[in-house]
Amino acid sequence: MTLDIRIHGNHFVLHASGAVFWKEKNMLLISDVHLGKVSHFRKHGIALPQHAFSGNFDRLTAVADFFQAEIICFLGDLFHSKLNKEWDVFADWVNRRPENFLLIIGNHDILKPEKYESVGMAIASELKVGPFLFTHEPEERDSYFTFCGHIHPGVTLRGAGRQVMDLPCFFRSENQMILPAFGEFTGKWIMDPGPEDVIYVIAGNEVLMVNLVEKKRAF
């Protein structure tokens, strides 16, 4: 379910939900939940199963209960579009949780700041803590290691029997970690890793490091 890694001497836990737990700061990082997307689709005539509405909230509760963090930091695109009934469910969820909440504003977060403030959620365009930078969109900045989302990274795995699977992943480059989308029905952007990139793929309930770059043979 989890995989422990170290970055700049700090301990991070990658969770199969797509969340990351920062042990030293007792902070849970979640990106691209896209709450309200199910209701948005239904409003426009796109049929989705009934369980889809509650799926995001069930997963949020499960990962929050698992880590019991002091702070939950959403790395943007928390709410998908205009206000709809999922906001009321989310507001009730936040009010019942003991954690402090922070939202790093993403391109889909178009609700007025007052809505987030009404449930006690702080908002910011970015966050800097020590050597780490937290943003919504990928951005490599001198002297920082960035945690971000936005892209919904995924990778293609090919088996010996011509099996092909596209799976979500944590995509780590030298100075950046892109989190997979936490929300359901968000899609994936298939990445093309370079030789220095590290891929942590989510396969069912497991997080696994995989090598997708073939090393050149020396002759």
C-alpha atoms as a PDB file:
ATOM      1  CA  MET A   1       0.000   0.000   0.000  1.00  0.00           C
ATOM      2  CA  THR A   2       2.892   2.375   0.700  1.00  0.00           C
ATOM      3  CA  LEU A   3       6.489   2.945  -0.320  1.00  0.00           C
ATOM      4  CA  ASP A   4       8.989   4.914   1.764  1.00  0.00           C
ATOM      5  CA  ILE A   5      11.497   7.192   0.027  1.00  0.00           C
ATOM      6  CA  ARG A   6      13.965   9.893   1.086  1.00  0.00           C
ATOM      7  CA  ILE A   7      14.438  13.317  -0.507  1.00  0.00           C
ATOM      8  CA  HIS A   8      16.955  15.821   0.864  1.00  0.00           C
ATOM      9  CA  GLY A   9      17.207  13.812   4.080  1.00  0.00           C
ATOM     10  CA  ASN A  10      13.431  13.872   4.666  1.00  0.00           C
ATOM     11  CA  HIS A  11      11.128  10.860   4.747  1.00  0.00           C
ATOM     12  CA  PHE A  12       8.135  10.647   2.413  1.00  0.00           C
ATOM     13  CA  VAL A  13       5.566   7.869   2.155  1.00  0.00           C
ATOM     14  CA  LEU A  14       3.935   7.242  -1.221  1.00  0.00           C
ATOM     15  CA  HIS A  15       0.411   5.863  -0.842  1.00  0.00           C
ATOM     16  CA  ALA A  16      -1.509   3.815  -3.411  1.00  0.00           C
ATOM     17  CA  SER A  17      -4.265   6.450  -3.418  1.00  0.00           C
ATOM     18  CA  GLY A  18      -1.809   8.903  -5.002  1.00  0.00           C
ATOM     19  CA  ALA A  19      -1.172  10.824  -1.775  1.00  0.00           C
ATOM     20  CA  VAL A  20       2.229  11.558  -0.217  1.00  0.00           C
ATOM     21  CA  PHE A  21       2.878  11.788   3.523  1.00  0.00           C
ATOM     22  CA  TRP A  22       5.769  13.961   4.747  1.00  0.00           C
ATOM     23  CA  LYS A  23       6.807  12.424   8.062  1.00  0.00           C
ATOM     24  CA  GLU A  24       8.939  15.285   9.407  1.00  0.00           C
ATOM     25  CA  LYS A  25       6.115  17.824   9.050  1.00  0.00           C
ATOM     26  CA  ASN A  26       3.192  15.436   9.641  1.00  0.00           C
ATOM     27  CA  MET A  27       1.730  16.729   6.373  1.00  0.00           C
ATOM     28  CA  LEU A  28      -0.374  14.847   3.823  1.00  0.00           C
ATOM     29  CA  LEU A  29      -0.108  15.980   0.188  1.00  0.00           C
ATOM     30  CA  ILE A  30      -2.999  15.315  -2.213  1.00  0.00           C
ATOM     31  CA  SER A  31      -3.306  16.637  -5.747  1.00  0.00           C
ATOM     32  CA  ASP A  32      -6.083  16.944  -8.325  1.00  0.00           C
ATOM     33  CA  VAL A  33      -9.085  15.604  -6.439  1.00  0.00           C
ATOM     34  CA  HIS A  34     -11.476  17.372  -8.844  1.00  0.00           C
ATOM     35  CA  LEU A  35     -14.458  17.294  -6.504  1.00  0.00           C
ATOM     36  CA  GLY A  36     -17.666  18.230  -8.275  1.00  0.00           C
ATOM     37  CA  LYS A  37     -16.618  16.598 -11.537  1.00  0.00           C
ATOM     38  CA  VAL A  38     -19.161  13.791 -11.230  1.00  0.00           C
ATOM     39  CA  SER A  39     -22.017  16.244 -10.678  1.00  0.00           C
ATOM     40  CA  HIS A  40     -20.648  18.413 -13.500  1.00  0.00           C
ATOM     41  CA  PHE A  41     -20.701  15.443 -15.899  1.00  0.00           C
ATOM     42  CA  ARG A  42     -24.212  14.416 -14.880  1.00  0.00           C
ATOM     43  CA  LYS A  43     -25.483  17.951 -15.367  1.00  0.00           C
ATOM     44  CA  HIS A  44     -24.250  17.768 -18.955  1.00  0.00           C
ATOM     45  CA  GLY A  45     -25.884  14.406 -19.628  1.00  0.00           C
ATOM     46  CA  ILE A  46     -22.880  12.125 -19.114  1.00  0.00           C
ATOM     47  CA  ALA A  47     -24.028   9.041 -17.220  1.00  0.00           C
ATOM     48  CA  LEU A  48     -21.794   7.909 -14.353  1.00  0.00           C
ATOM     49  CA  PRO A  49     -22.455   5.164 -11.763  1.00  0.00           C
ATOM     50  CA  GLN A  50     -24.085   6.153  -8.483  1.00  0.00           C
ATOM     51  CA  HIS A  51     -21.064   5.136  -6.414  1.00  0.00           C
ATOM     52  CA  ALA A  52     -18.899   7.625  -8.311  1.00  0.00           C
ATOM     53  CA  PHE A  53     -20.324  10.516  -6.283  1.00  0.00           C
ATOM     54  CA  SER A  54     -19.132   9.139  -2.954  1.00  0.00           C
ATOM     55  CA  GLY A  55     -15.941   7.534  -4.241  1.00  0.00           C
ATOM     56  CA  ASN A  56     -13.678  10.547  -3.774  1.00  0.00           C
ATOM     57  CA  PHE A  57     -14.958  11.190  -0.255  1.00  0.00           C
ATOM     58  CA  ASP A  58     -14.517   7.540   0.737  1.00  0.00           C
ATOM     59  CA  ARG A  59     -10.935   7.612  -0.523  1.00  0.00           C
ATOM     60  CA  LEU A  60     -10.214  10.932   1.202  1.00  0.00           C
ATOM     61  CA  THR A  61     -11.502   9.556   4.486  1.00  0.00           C
ATOM     62  CA  ALA A  62      -9.502   6.336   4.117  1.00  0.00           C
ATOM     63  CA  VAL A  63      -6.153   8.021   3.448  1.00  0.00           C
ATOM     64  CA  ALA A  64      -6.736  10.737   6.069  1.00  0.00           C
ATOM     65  CA  ASP A  65      -7.563   8.116   8.697  1.00  0.00           C
ATOM     66  CA  PHE A  66      -4.534   6.042   7.668  1.00  0.00           C
ATOM     67  CA  PHE A  67      -1.965   8.810   8.220  1.00  0.00           C
ATOM     68  CA  GLN A  68      -3.737  11.018  10.802  1.00  0.00           C
ATOM     69  CA  ALA A  69      -1.695  14.007   9.649  1.00  0.00           C
ATOM     70  CA  GLU A  70      -1.700  17.402  11.296  1.00  0.00           C
ATOM     71  CA  ILE A  71      -2.043  19.174   7.943  1.00  0.00           C
ATOM     72  CA  ILE A  72      -3.642  18.143   4.672  1.00  0.00           C
ATOM     73  CA  CYS A  73      -2.278  20.178   1.775  1.00  0.00           C
ATOM     74  CA  PHE A  74      -4.177  19.988  -1.522  1.00  0.00           C
ATOM     75  CA  LEU A  75      -1.865  20.749  -4.452  1.00  0.00           C
ATOM     76  CA  GLY A  76      -4.497  22.360  -6.622  1.00  0.00           C
ATOM     77  CA  ASP A  77      -7.618  21.423  -8.583  1.00  0.00           C
ATOM     78  CA  LEU A  78      -9.495  20.491  -5.446  1.00  0.00           C
ATOM     79  CA  PHE A  79     -12.856  21.474  -6.916  1.00  0.00           C
ATOM     80  CA  HIS A  80     -13.411  20.858 -10.617  1.00  0.00           C
ATOM     81  CA  SER A  81     -15.741  23.613 -11.745  1.00  0.00           C
ATOM     82  CA  LYS A  82     -18.580  25.834 -10.609  1.00  0.00           C
ATOM     83  CA  LEU A  83     -20.333  25.322  -7.308  1.00  0.00           C
ATOM     84  CA  ASN A  84     -22.570  22.257  -7.115  1.00  0.00           C
ATOM     85  CA  LYS A  85     -23.969  19.926  -4.467  1.00  0.00           C
ATOM     86  CA  GLU A  86     -20.635  18.189  -3.905  1.00  0.00           C
ATOM     87  CA  TRP A  87     -19.394  21.343  -2.185  1.00  0.00           C
ATOM     88  CA  ASP A  88     -21.881  20.836   0.654  1.00  0.00           C
ATOM     89  CA  VAL A  89     -20.669  17.252   1.106  1.00  0.00           C
ATOM     90  CA  PHE A  90     -17.061  18.434   1.123  1.00  0.00           C
ATOM     91  CA  ALA A  91     -17.774  21.249   3.596  1.00  0.00           C
ATOM     92  CA  ASP A  92     -19.387  18.749   5.954  1.00  0.00           C
ATOM     93  CA  TRP A  93     -16.403  16.415   5.523  1.00  0.00           C
ATOM     94  CA  VAL A  94     -13.899  19.162   6.368  1.00  0.00           C
ATOM     95  CA  ASN A  95     -15.895  20.275   9.405  1.00  0.00           C
ATOM     96  CA  ARG A  96     -15.795  16.732  10.792  1.00  0.00           C
ATOM     97  CA  ARG A  97     -12.035  16.300  10.323  1.00  0.00           C
ATOM     98  CA  PRO A  98      -9.410  17.223  12.981  1.00  0.00           C
ATOM     99  CA  GLU A  99      -6.696  18.225  10.467  1.00  0.00           C
ATOM    100  CA  ASN A 100      -5.758  21.719   9.350  1.00  0.00           C
ATOM    101  CA  PHE A 101      -6.271  22.318   5.623  1.00  0.00           C
ATOM    102  CA  LEU A 102      -4.325  24.238   3.003  1.00  0.00           C
ATOM    103  CA  LEU A 103      -5.134  24.611  -0.685  1.00  0.00           C
ATOM    104  CA  ILE A 104      -2.496  25.561  -3.245  1.00  0.00           C
ATOM    105  CA  ILE A 105      -4.683  27.141  -5.918  1.00  0.00           C
ATOM    106  CA  GLY A 106      -4.889  25.293  -9.236  1.00  0.00           C
ATOM    107  CA  ASN A 107      -6.313  26.235 -12.624  1.00  0.00           C
ATOM    108  CA  HIS A 108      -9.664  24.571 -11.871  1.00  0.00           C
ATOM    109  CA  ASP A 109     -10.064  26.235  -8.466  1.00  0.00           C
ATOM    110  CA  ILE A 110     -12.380  29.001  -9.622  1.00  0.00           C
ATOM    111  CA  LEU A 111     -14.556  29.253  -6.507  1.00  0.00           C
ATOM    112  CA  LYS A 112     -14.218  32.472  -4.553  1.00  0.00           C
ATOM    113  CA  PRO A 113     -11.661  32.391  -1.712  1.00  0.00           C
ATOM    114  CA  GLU A 114     -14.499  33.051   0.741  1.00  0.00           C
ATOM    115  CA  LYS A 115     -15.899  29.564   0.094  1.00  0.00           C
ATOM    116  CA  TYR A 116     -12.686  27.891   1.225  1.00  0.00           C
ATOM    117  CA  GLU A 117     -12.252  30.292   4.116  1.00  0.00           C
ATOM    118  CA  SER A 118     -15.803  29.522   5.274  1.00  0.00           C
ATOM    119  CA  VAL A 119     -14.681  25.984   6.148  1.00  0.00           C
ATOM    120  CA  GLY A 120     -11.426  27.147   7.737  1.00  0.00           C
ATOM    121  CA  MET A 121      -9.206  26.252   4.786  1.00  0.00           C
ATOM    122  CA  ALA A 122      -6.160  28.432   4.128  1.00  0.00           C
ATOM    123  CA  ILE A 123      -5.294  29.169   0.498  1.00  0.00           C
ATOM    124  CA  ALA A 124      -2.036  30.159  -1.192  1.00  0.00           C
ATOM    125  CA  SER A 125      -0.498  30.338  -4.645  1.00  0.00           C
ATOM    126  CA  GLU A 126       2.493  28.274  -3.464  1.00  0.00           C
ATOM    127  CA  LEU A 127       4.228  27.085  -0.305  1.00  0.00           C
ATOM    128  CA  LYS A 128       7.927  26.987   0.580  1.00  0.00           C
ATOM    129  CA  VAL A 129       9.172  24.897   3.502  1.00  0.00           C
ATOM    130  CA  GLY A 130      12.924  24.437   3.818  1.00  0.00           C
ATOM    131  CA  PRO A 131      14.294  22.987   0.561  1.00  0.00           C
ATOM    132  CA  PHE A 132      10.812  22.118  -0.716  1.00  0.00           C
ATOM    133  CA  LEU A 133       8.424  24.036  -2.956  1.00  0.00           C
ATOM    134  CA  PHE A 134       4.760  23.094  -3.264  1.00  0.00           C
ATOM    135  CA  THR A 135       2.876  24.263  -6.362  1.00  0.00           C
ATOM    136  CA  HIS A 136       0.046  23.095  -8.580  1.00  0.00           C
ATOM    137  CA  GLU A 137       1.758  23.151 -11.963  1.00  0.00           C
ATOM    138  CA  PRO A 138       5.219  21.667 -12.489  1.00  0.00           C
ATOM    139  CA  GLU A 139       7.946  24.225 -11.925  1.00  0.00           C
ATOM    140  CA  GLU A 140      11.631  23.635 -11.305  1.00  0.00           C
ATOM    141  CA  ARG A 141      13.161  26.485  -9.346  1.00  0.00           C
ATOM    142  CA  ASP A 142      16.746  26.931  -8.216  1.00  0.00           C
ATOM    143  CA  SER A 143      17.547  25.547  -4.736  1.00  0.00           C
ATOM    144  CA  TYR A 144      14.157  23.808  -4.345  1.00  0.00           C
ATOM    145  CA  PHE A 145      12.686  20.361  -4.825  1.00  0.00           C
ATOM    146  CA  THR A 146       9.123  20.795  -6.092  1.00  0.00           C
ATOM    147  CA  PHE A 147       6.029  18.751  -5.263  1.00  0.00           C
ATOM    148  CA  CYS A 148       3.181  19.408  -7.711  1.00  0.00           C
ATOM    149  CA  GLY A 149       0.341  17.906  -9.723  1.00  0.00           C
ATOM    150  CA  HIS A 150      -1.709  19.181 -12.673  1.00  0.00           C
ATOM    151  CA  ILE A 151      -0.464  16.715 -15.302  1.00  0.00           C
ATOM    152  CA  HIS A 152      -2.081  13.505 -13.929  1.00  0.00           C
ATOM    153  CA  PRO A 153       1.012  11.444 -14.810  1.00  0.00           C
ATOM    154  CA  GLY A 154       0.777   7.872 -16.006  1.00  0.00           C
ATOM    155  CA  VAL A 155       3.056   5.359 -17.695  1.00  0.00           C
ATOM    156  CA  THR A 156       2.613   2.508 -20.154  1.00  0.00           C
ATOM    157  CA  LEU A 157       3.774  -0.932 -19.008  1.00  0.00           C
ATOM    158  CA  ARG A 158       4.284  -3.665 -21.605  1.00  0.00           C
ATOM    159  CA  GLY A 159       4.384  -7.347 -20.710  1.00  0.00           C
ATOM    160  CA  ALA A 160       6.166 -10.209 -22.441  1.00  0.00           C
ATOM    161  CA  GLY A 161       2.859 -11.471 -23.816  1.00  0.00           C
ATOM    162  CA  ARG A 162       2.095  -8.147 -25.523  1.00  0.00           C
ATOM    163  CA  GLN A 163      -0.017  -7.011 -22.604  1.00  0.00           C
ATOM    164  CA  VAL A 164      -0.243  -3.233 -22.341  1.00  0.00           C
ATOM    165  CA  MET A 165      -1.395  -1.287 -19.285  1.00  0.00           C
ATOM    166  CA  ASP A 166      -1.570   2.446 -18.651  1.00  0.00           C
ATOM    167  CA  LEU A 167      -1.193   3.069 -14.924  1.00  0.00           C
ATOM    168  CA  PRO A 168      -0.989   6.223 -12.783  1.00  0.00           C
ATOM    169  CA  CYS A 169       2.371   7.035 -11.282  1.00  0.00           C
ATOM    170  CA  PHE A 170       4.449   9.358  -9.150  1.00  0.00           C
ATOM    171  CA  PHE A 171       6.902  10.895 -11.624  1.00  0.00           C
ATOM    172  CA  ARG A 172      10.184  11.974 -10.058  1.00  0.00           C
ATOM    173  CA  SER A 173      12.896  13.931 -11.828  1.00  0.00           C
ATOM    174  CA  GLU A 174      16.046  15.380 -10.294  1.00  0.00           C
ATOM    175  CA  ASN A 175      14.320  18.339  -8.643  1.00  0.00           C
ATOM    176  CA  GLN A 176      10.628  17.536  -8.841  1.00  0.00           C
ATOM    177  CA  MET A 177       7.923  15.026  -7.951  1.00  0.00           C
ATOM    178  CA  ILE A 178       4.639  15.117  -9.900  1.00  0.00           C
ATOM    179  CA  LEU A 179       1.804  13.446  -8.003  1.00  0.00           C
ATOM    180  CA  PRO A 180      -0.870  11.381  -9.756  1.00  0.00           C
ATOM    181  CA  ALA A 181      -4.430  12.654  -9.753  1.00  0.00           C
ATOM    182  CA  PHE A 182      -6.252  11.585  -6.591  1.00  0.00           C
ATOM    183  CA  GLY A 183      -9.747  11.977  -8.025  1.00  0.00           C
ATOM    184  CA  GLU A 184     -11.692   9.443 -10.028  1.00  0.00           C
ATOM    185  CA  PHE A 185     -12.525  10.025 -13.719  1.00  0.00           C
ATOM    186  CA  THR A 186      -9.576  12.384 -14.142  1.00  0.00           C
ATOM    187  CA  GLY A 187      -7.650  10.606 -16.881  1.00  0.00           C
ATOM    188  CA  LYS A 188      -3.872  10.245 -17.270  1.00  0.00           C
ATOM    189  CA  TRP A 189      -1.135  11.919 -19.286  1.00  0.00           C
ATOM    190  CA  ILE A 190       1.311   9.246 -20.398  1.00  0.00           C
ATOM    191  CA  MET A 191       4.847  10.336 -19.577  1.00  0.00           C
ATOM    192  CA  ASP A 192       8.048   9.609 -21.499  1.00  0.00           C
ATOM    193  CA  PRO A 193      10.687   9.112 -18.806  1.00  0.00           C
ATOM    194  CA  GLY A 194      14.313   9.976 -19.378  1.00  0.00           C
ATOM    195  CA  PRO A 195      17.276   7.984 -18.060  1.00  0.00           C
ATOM    196  CA  GLU A 196      17.463  10.035 -14.833  1.00  0.00           C
ATOM    197  CA  ASP A 197      13.741   9.959 -14.025  1.00  0.00           C
ATOM    198  CA  VAL A 198      12.313   7.656 -11.358  1.00  0.00           C
ATOM    199  CA  ILE A 199       8.856   6.128 -11.749  1.00  0.00           C
ATOM    200  CA  TYR A 200       6.743   4.894  -8.846  1.00  0.00           C
ATOM    201  CA  VAL A 201       3.771   3.182 -10.428  1.00  0.00           C
ATOM    202  CA  ILE A 202       0.431   2.517  -8.718  1.00  0.00           C
ATOM    203  CA  ALA A 203      -0.642  -1.043  -9.475  1.00  0.00           C
ATOM    204  CA  GLY A 204      -3.855  -1.864  -7.665  1.00  0.00           C
ATOM    205  CA  ASN A 205      -3.117  -1.420  -3.981  1.00  0.00           C
ATOM    206  CA  GLU A 206       0.660  -1.292  -4.380  1.00  0.00           C
ATOM    207  CA  VAL A 207       3.248   1.392  -5.112  1.00  0.00           C
ATOM    208  CA  LEU A 208       6.234  -0.002  -7.006  1.00  0.00           C
ATOM    209  CA  MET A 209       9.391   1.572  -8.391  1.00  0.00           C
ATOM    210  CA  VAL A 210       9.888   0.550 -12.025  1.00  0.00           C
ATOM    211  CA  ASN A 211      12.603   1.117 -14.602  1.00  0.00           C
ATOM    212  CA  LEU A 212      11.131   1.969 -18.000  1.00  0.00           C
ATOM    213  CA  VAL A 213      14.311   3.232 -19.670  1.00  0.00           C
ATOM    214  CA  GLU A 214      16.504   0.648 -21.373  1.00  0.00           C
ATOM    215  CA  LYS A 215      20.189   1.114 -20.710  1.00  0.00           C
ATOM    216  CA  LYS A 216      22.384   1.243 -23.801  1.00  0.00           C
ATOM    217  CA  ARG A 217      24.663  -1.742 -24.162  1.00  0.00           C
ATOM    218  CA  ALA A 218      28.385  -1.145 -24.262  1.00  0.00           C
ATOM    219  CA  PHE A 219      30.273  -2.947 -27.023  1.00  0.00           C
END
